[in-house]
Amino acid sequence: MQTEMYCYLEDRERRVLPSNEAFERWLDPDRSAIACIDMYRGHVGPDEQLTCPAPRARAKIPAHNLFHRLARDVGVPVIHVQHWQRYGGIDDANSRQFNRGANWRVLYELYLPPNPLMLEHSWEGTRWLDLMVEEAPGDYYVRTKKRLSAFYPTDLEFLLRQLDVKNLVITGTYTDACDLSTAFDAANRDLRVIVPRDVVAGYSAEAEHAALLIVSLHLGLVVDAPALLAEWYARKGRELPEALRSCTDISLVAGTLEDGDAPAPGTGRR
């Protein structure tokens, strides 16, 4: 290790990582990539009504932008993964299968208020797929996600192989749904998983903690974004910006979006 890199056990206890071969590989920026999951208008837009609101993730748009920007600066690629369905809903809500509708869609009706816009969640050709986080010319895109995992049914694994990546850093929303499902699928493919807990957000604080507890026990490293960046920067012979050197939550530097604030959107490409 180049720094006193640490992780969180059960998303509670902070533990300095041993400097062994396994964790040296786990934290190699040259074998790492970021999968930013579903940070688009339907979840985190400024609109009064959204297809599937994720307000906790919306607040963390500035944290995503700063983390991704600094990661790109040391050569770690950012992959924008989007739940992306054919217009009209044949992939999910209007499927002709007997069990029409993905599980999450059926279950959400039990505890979320009625939302007629949810029918067109992630439909191609709609504004709901506009990315709300910053994009850069060297970013990559995976746009065939149809269920919770970023691997199903997509070419994410193929892209990671071409990038020669073995360490997958997961950002985005929801911590307890798409992020967690992606972490399981990544670990089952022998990818080394990292989740910066200050650059993900879920249904609630309790749900986030439960998901991160599971990740830390079975799937990967739960870390703070500034600590991960510090290790990456040190390995590149670079110094992390001073404002991040003594904080554990990147939002303390990046800020958060309050209700009514408009994020700086990406290019709006769909």
Protein backbone atom coordinates (compact mmCIF):
# COMPACT_ATOMS: atom_id res chain seq x y z
CA MET A 1 0.00 0.00 0.00
CA GLN A 2 1.08 3.54 -0.68
CA THR A 3 -1.27 4.96 1.98
CA GLU A 4 -2.93 3.76 5.17
CA MET A 5 -5.82 2.40 3.13
CA TYR A 6 -8.79 1.15 5.10
CA CYS A 7 -12.21 -0.39 4.58
CA TYR A 8 -15.34 -0.83 6.69
CA LEU A 9 -16.25 -4.20 8.15
CA GLU A 10 -20.03 -4.64 8.29
CA ASP A 11 -20.19 -1.00 7.18
CA ARG A 12 -19.28 -0.08 10.77
CA GLU A 13 -15.77 -0.91 11.92
CA ARG A 14 -12.93 0.83 10.16
CA ARG A 15 -10.05 -1.56 9.46
CA VAL A 16 -6.67 -0.74 7.90
CA LEU A 17 -6.00 -3.18 5.08
CA PRO A 18 -2.98 -5.48 5.35
CA SER A 19 -0.34 -4.82 2.73
CA ASN A 20 -0.47 -8.18 0.99
CA GLU A 21 -0.51 -9.28 -2.63
CA ALA A 22 -4.29 -9.65 -2.80
CA PHE A 23 -5.10 -6.14 -1.64
CA GLU A 24 -2.25 -4.65 -3.65
CA ARG A 25 -3.99 -6.01 -6.75
CA TRP A 26 -7.41 -4.97 -5.49
CA LEU A 27 -6.37 -1.31 -5.34
CA ASP A 28 -4.41 -1.10 -8.59
CA PRO A 29 -5.80 1.88 -10.57
CA ASP A 30 -4.45 0.44 -13.82
CA ARG A 31 -6.75 -2.59 -13.48
CA SER A 32 -9.77 -0.61 -12.24
CA ALA A 33 -12.89 0.89 -13.79
CA ILE A 34 -15.98 2.63 -12.41
CA ALA A 35 -19.50 1.45 -13.23
CA CYS A 36 -21.84 4.37 -12.56
CA ILE A 37 -25.32 2.88 -12.45
CA ASP A 38 -28.57 4.58 -13.46
CA MET A 39 -27.78 8.22 -12.68
CA TYR A 40 -30.29 9.52 -15.20
CA ARG A 41 -33.30 11.82 -15.19
CA GLY A 42 -35.92 9.17 -14.41
CA HIS A 43 -34.23 8.58 -11.04
CA VAL A 44 -32.41 11.82 -10.18
CA GLY A 45 -33.71 14.58 -12.44
CA PRO A 46 -34.92 18.01 -11.27
CA ASP A 47 -38.45 17.36 -12.57
CA GLU A 48 -41.33 17.58 -10.10
CA GLN A 49 -42.50 14.11 -11.15
CA LEU A 50 -40.09 11.29 -12.04
CA THR A 51 -40.59 7.74 -13.26
CA CYS A 52 -38.84 6.21 -10.23
CA PRO A 53 -37.46 8.88 -7.88
CA ALA A 54 -34.19 8.30 -6.03
CA PRO A 55 -33.87 11.48 -3.95
CA ARG A 56 -30.93 10.25 -1.86
CA ALA A 57 -28.97 9.64 -5.06
CA ARG A 58 -29.96 13.01 -6.50
CA ALA A 59 -28.37 14.70 -3.49
CA LYS A 60 -25.10 12.94 -4.34
CA ILE A 61 -24.78 14.12 -7.95
CA PRO A 62 -21.96 16.55 -7.01
CA ALA A 63 -20.16 13.72 -5.17
CA HIS A 64 -20.38 11.55 -8.27
CA ASN A 65 -19.07 14.33 -10.48
CA LEU A 66 -16.06 15.06 -8.28
CA PHE A 67 -15.18 11.39 -7.69
CA HIS A 68 -15.45 10.51 -11.37
CA ARG A 69 -13.47 13.61 -12.42
CA LEU A 70 -10.57 12.78 -10.10
CA ALA A 71 -10.63 9.10 -11.09
CA ARG A 72 -10.42 10.01 -14.78
CA ASP A 73 -7.46 12.23 -13.92
CA VAL A 74 -5.42 9.16 -12.92
CA GLY A 75 -6.60 7.04 -15.83
CA VAL A 76 -9.50 5.12 -14.26
CA PRO A 77 -12.27 4.84 -16.88
CA VAL A 78 -15.89 5.66 -16.11
CA ILE A 79 -18.64 3.44 -17.55
CA HIS A 80 -22.18 4.83 -17.51
CA VAL A 81 -24.60 1.91 -17.14
CA GLN A 82 -28.25 2.61 -17.84
CA HIS A 83 -31.44 0.64 -17.39
CA TRP A 84 -32.66 1.00 -20.97
CA GLN A 85 -35.88 -0.46 -22.30
CA ARG A 86 -37.52 -0.52 -25.70
CA TYR A 87 -40.20 2.13 -26.11
CA GLY A 88 -43.58 0.67 -25.30
CA GLY A 89 -42.47 -1.58 -22.45
CA ILE A 90 -42.15 -4.97 -24.15
CA ASP A 91 -39.01 -5.63 -22.08
CA ASP A 92 -40.88 -5.35 -18.79
CA ALA A 93 -44.24 -3.76 -17.95
CA ASN A 94 -45.90 -4.80 -21.22
CA SER A 95 -44.13 -8.12 -21.67
CA ARG A 96 -46.26 -10.88 -23.18
CA GLN A 97 -44.96 -13.39 -20.64
CA PHE A 98 -47.35 -14.77 -18.04
CA ASN A 99 -45.33 -13.08 -15.27
CA ARG A 100 -45.49 -9.68 -16.95
CA GLY A 101 -43.51 -7.04 -15.07
CA ALA A 102 -40.14 -7.33 -13.36
CA ASN A 103 -40.27 -8.22 -9.67
CA TRP A 104 -39.26 -4.74 -8.52
CA ARG A 105 -42.11 -3.18 -10.50
CA VAL A 106 -44.70 -5.41 -8.82
CA LEU A 107 -43.22 -5.01 -5.33
CA TYR A 108 -42.92 -1.21 -5.47
CA GLU A 109 -46.71 -0.98 -5.64
CA LEU A 110 -46.81 -2.31 -2.07
CA TYR A 111 -45.00 0.63 -0.50
CA LEU A 112 -44.67 3.51 -2.98
CA PRO A 113 -47.46 5.95 -3.87
CA PRO A 114 -49.19 5.37 -7.23
CA ASN A 115 -47.09 6.78 -10.08
CA PRO A 116 -48.45 6.55 -13.63
CA LEU A 117 -45.08 7.72 -14.99
CA MET A 118 -43.44 4.52 -13.76
CA LEU A 119 -44.86 2.70 -16.78
CA GLU A 120 -42.38 4.49 -19.05
CA HIS A 121 -39.40 4.18 -16.72
CA SER A 122 -36.21 3.90 -18.81
CA TRP A 123 -38.00 3.87 -22.17
CA GLU A 124 -35.66 4.67 -25.04
CA GLY A 125 -36.35 7.95 -26.83
CA THR A 126 -37.67 9.65 -23.69
CA ARG A 127 -36.08 12.41 -21.64
CA TRP A 128 -35.95 10.05 -18.67
CA LEU A 129 -32.68 8.58 -19.96
CA ASP A 130 -30.80 11.90 -19.97
CA LEU A 131 -27.70 11.44 -17.81
CA MET A 132 -27.59 13.80 -14.84
CA VAL A 133 -23.91 13.29 -14.04
CA GLU A 134 -20.99 14.79 -15.92
CA GLU A 135 -19.69 12.96 -18.94
CA ALA A 136 -16.24 13.11 -20.55
CA PRO A 137 -15.03 12.19 -24.07
CA GLY A 138 -13.24 9.06 -22.84
CA ASP A 139 -16.23 7.60 -20.98
CA TYR A 140 -17.93 4.36 -21.98
CA TYR A 141 -21.62 3.44 -22.10
CA VAL A 142 -23.56 0.23 -21.42
CA ARG A 143 -27.18 0.68 -22.44
CA THR A 144 -28.88 -2.68 -22.55
CA LYS A 145 -29.50 -3.25 -18.83
CA LYS A 146 -33.03 -4.59 -18.42
CA ARG A 147 -33.13 -5.72 -14.81
CA LEU A 148 -31.26 -4.85 -11.61
CA SER A 149 -27.75 -6.05 -12.40
CA ALA A 150 -25.45 -4.04 -14.67
CA PHE A 151 -24.43 -7.40 -16.18
CA TYR A 152 -27.93 -8.48 -17.28
CA PRO A 153 -28.34 -8.67 -20.21
CA THR A 154 -25.42 -6.42 -21.21
CA ASP A 155 -21.90 -6.53 -22.63
CA LEU A 156 -20.35 -5.00 -19.49
CA GLU A 157 -18.22 -8.10 -18.86
CA PHE A 158 -16.99 -7.99 -22.48
CA LEU A 159 -16.07 -4.30 -22.13
CA LEU A 160 -14.21 -4.91 -18.86
CA ARG A 161 -12.17 -7.65 -20.54
CA GLN A 162 -11.20 -5.29 -23.38
CA LEU A 163 -10.17 -2.68 -20.82
CA ASP A 164 -8.15 -5.37 -18.98
CA VAL A 165 -10.02 -4.52 -15.79
CA LYS A 166 -10.27 -6.78 -12.73
CA ASN A 167 -11.33 -4.22 -10.10
CA LEU A 168 -14.87 -2.87 -10.45
CA VAL A 169 -15.78 0.26 -8.51
CA ILE A 170 -19.54 0.69 -8.21
CA THR A 171 -21.19 4.11 -7.94
CA GLY A 172 -24.76 5.23 -8.62
CA THR A 173 -28.18 4.11 -7.41
CA TYR A 174 -29.85 2.16 -5.78
CA THR A 175 -27.31 0.84 -3.23
CA ASP A 176 -29.75 -1.84 -2.07
CA ALA A 177 -30.98 -2.86 -5.54
CA CYS A 178 -28.95 -2.30 -8.73
CA ASP A 179 -25.65 -1.63 -6.95
CA LEU A 180 -25.96 -4.68 -4.71
CA SER A 181 -27.11 -6.93 -7.56
CA THR A 182 -24.18 -5.73 -9.67
CA ALA A 183 -21.77 -6.38 -6.81
CA PHE A 184 -22.98 -9.98 -6.53
CA ASP A 185 -22.66 -10.56 -10.27
CA ALA A 186 -19.21 -8.97 -10.37
CA ALA A 187 -17.93 -11.07 -7.48
CA ASN A 188 -19.37 -14.22 -9.06
CA ARG A 189 -17.27 -13.38 -12.14
CA ASP A 190 -14.15 -13.09 -9.95
CA LEU A 191 -13.99 -9.33 -10.33
CA ARG A 192 -12.71 -7.51 -7.26
CA VAL A 193 -15.50 -5.23 -6.02
CA ILE A 194 -15.08 -1.79 -4.42
CA VAL A 195 -17.99 0.37 -3.25
CA PRO A 196 -17.24 3.94 -2.08
CA ARG A 197 -20.06 4.34 0.38
CA ASP A 198 -20.19 8.13 -0.04
CA VAL A 199 -20.81 7.82 -3.82
CA VAL A 200 -23.81 5.47 -3.72
CA ALA A 201 -27.34 6.00 -2.42
CA GLY A 202 -30.37 3.84 -1.85
CA TYR A 203 -33.98 3.72 -0.73
CA SER A 204 -33.14 4.77 2.83
CA ALA A 205 -30.19 5.03 5.19
CA GLU A 206 -31.21 1.68 6.71
CA ALA A 207 -31.39 -0.01 3.29
CA GLU A 208 -28.02 1.45 2.30
CA HIS A 209 -26.41 0.15 5.47
CA ALA A 210 -27.88 -3.32 4.98
CA ALA A 211 -26.57 -3.48 1.41
CA LEU A 212 -23.11 -2.22 2.34
CA LEU A 213 -22.96 -4.65 5.27
CA ILE A 214 -23.57 -7.53 2.85
CA VAL A 215 -20.99 -6.21 0.37
CA SER A 216 -18.37 -5.88 3.10
CA LEU A 217 -19.00 -9.41 4.39
CA HIS A 218 -19.07 -11.32 1.12
CA LEU A 219 -18.36 -9.33 -2.02
CA GLY A 220 -15.80 -6.56 -1.76
CA LEU A 221 -14.34 -3.53 -0.06
CA VAL A 222 -16.58 -0.80 1.33
CA VAL A 223 -14.47 2.34 1.44
CA ASP A 224 -14.54 6.13 1.58
CA ALA A 225 -14.00 7.81 -1.77
CA PRO A 226 -11.24 10.20 -0.57
CA ALA A 227 -9.22 7.27 0.83
CA LEU A 228 -9.55 5.29 -2.40
CA LEU A 229 -8.54 8.31 -4.46
CA ALA A 230 -5.57 8.95 -2.17
CA GLU A 231 -4.28 5.40 -2.75
CA TRP A 232 -4.77 5.69 -6.51
CA TYR A 233 -3.06 9.08 -6.63
CA ALA A 234 -0.14 7.86 -4.52
CA ARG A 235 0.40 4.92 -6.86
CA LYS A 236 0.59 7.38 -9.75
CA GLY A 237 3.07 9.59 -7.90
CA ARG A 238 0.44 12.31 -7.57
CA GLU A 239 -0.94 14.24 -4.62
CA LEU A 240 -4.66 14.31 -3.98
CA PRO A 241 -6.18 17.83 -3.86
CA GLU A 242 -5.64 19.23 -0.40
CA ALA A 243 -9.34 19.62 0.43
CA LEU A 244 -9.81 15.84 0.24
CA ARG A 245 -6.79 14.77 2.26
CA SER A 246 -8.41 15.02 5.68
CA CYS A 247 -12.05 14.14 5.00
CA THR A 248 -13.82 10.80 4.83
CA ASP A 249 -16.93 11.87 2.89
CA ILE A 250 -16.40 13.37 -0.55
CA SER A 251 -19.72 15.25 -0.24
CA LEU A 252 -18.10 17.48 2.38
CA VAL A 253 -16.00 18.90 -0.45
CA ALA A 254 -18.32 18.40 -3.43
CA GLY A 255 -21.49 19.55 -1.68
CA THR A 256 -24.98 18.10 -2.10
CA LEU A 257 -28.02 19.04 -4.16
CA GLU A 258 -30.97 20.31 -2.19
CA ASP A 259 -34.56 19.98 -3.39
CA GLY A 260 -35.16 22.41 -6.21
CA ASP A 261 -31.50 22.67 -7.24
CA ALA A 262 -30.76 21.79 -10.81
CA PRO A 263 -27.77 19.48 -11.42
CA ALA A 264 -25.32 20.15 -14.19
CA PRO A 265 -26.51 17.51 -16.64
CA GLY A 266 -24.35 15.52 -18.99
CA THR A 267 -24.55 15.90 -22.72
CA GLY A 268 -28.11 14.60 -22.74
CA ARG A 269 -27.13 11.82 -25.14
CA ARG A 270 -29.58 8.95 -25.36
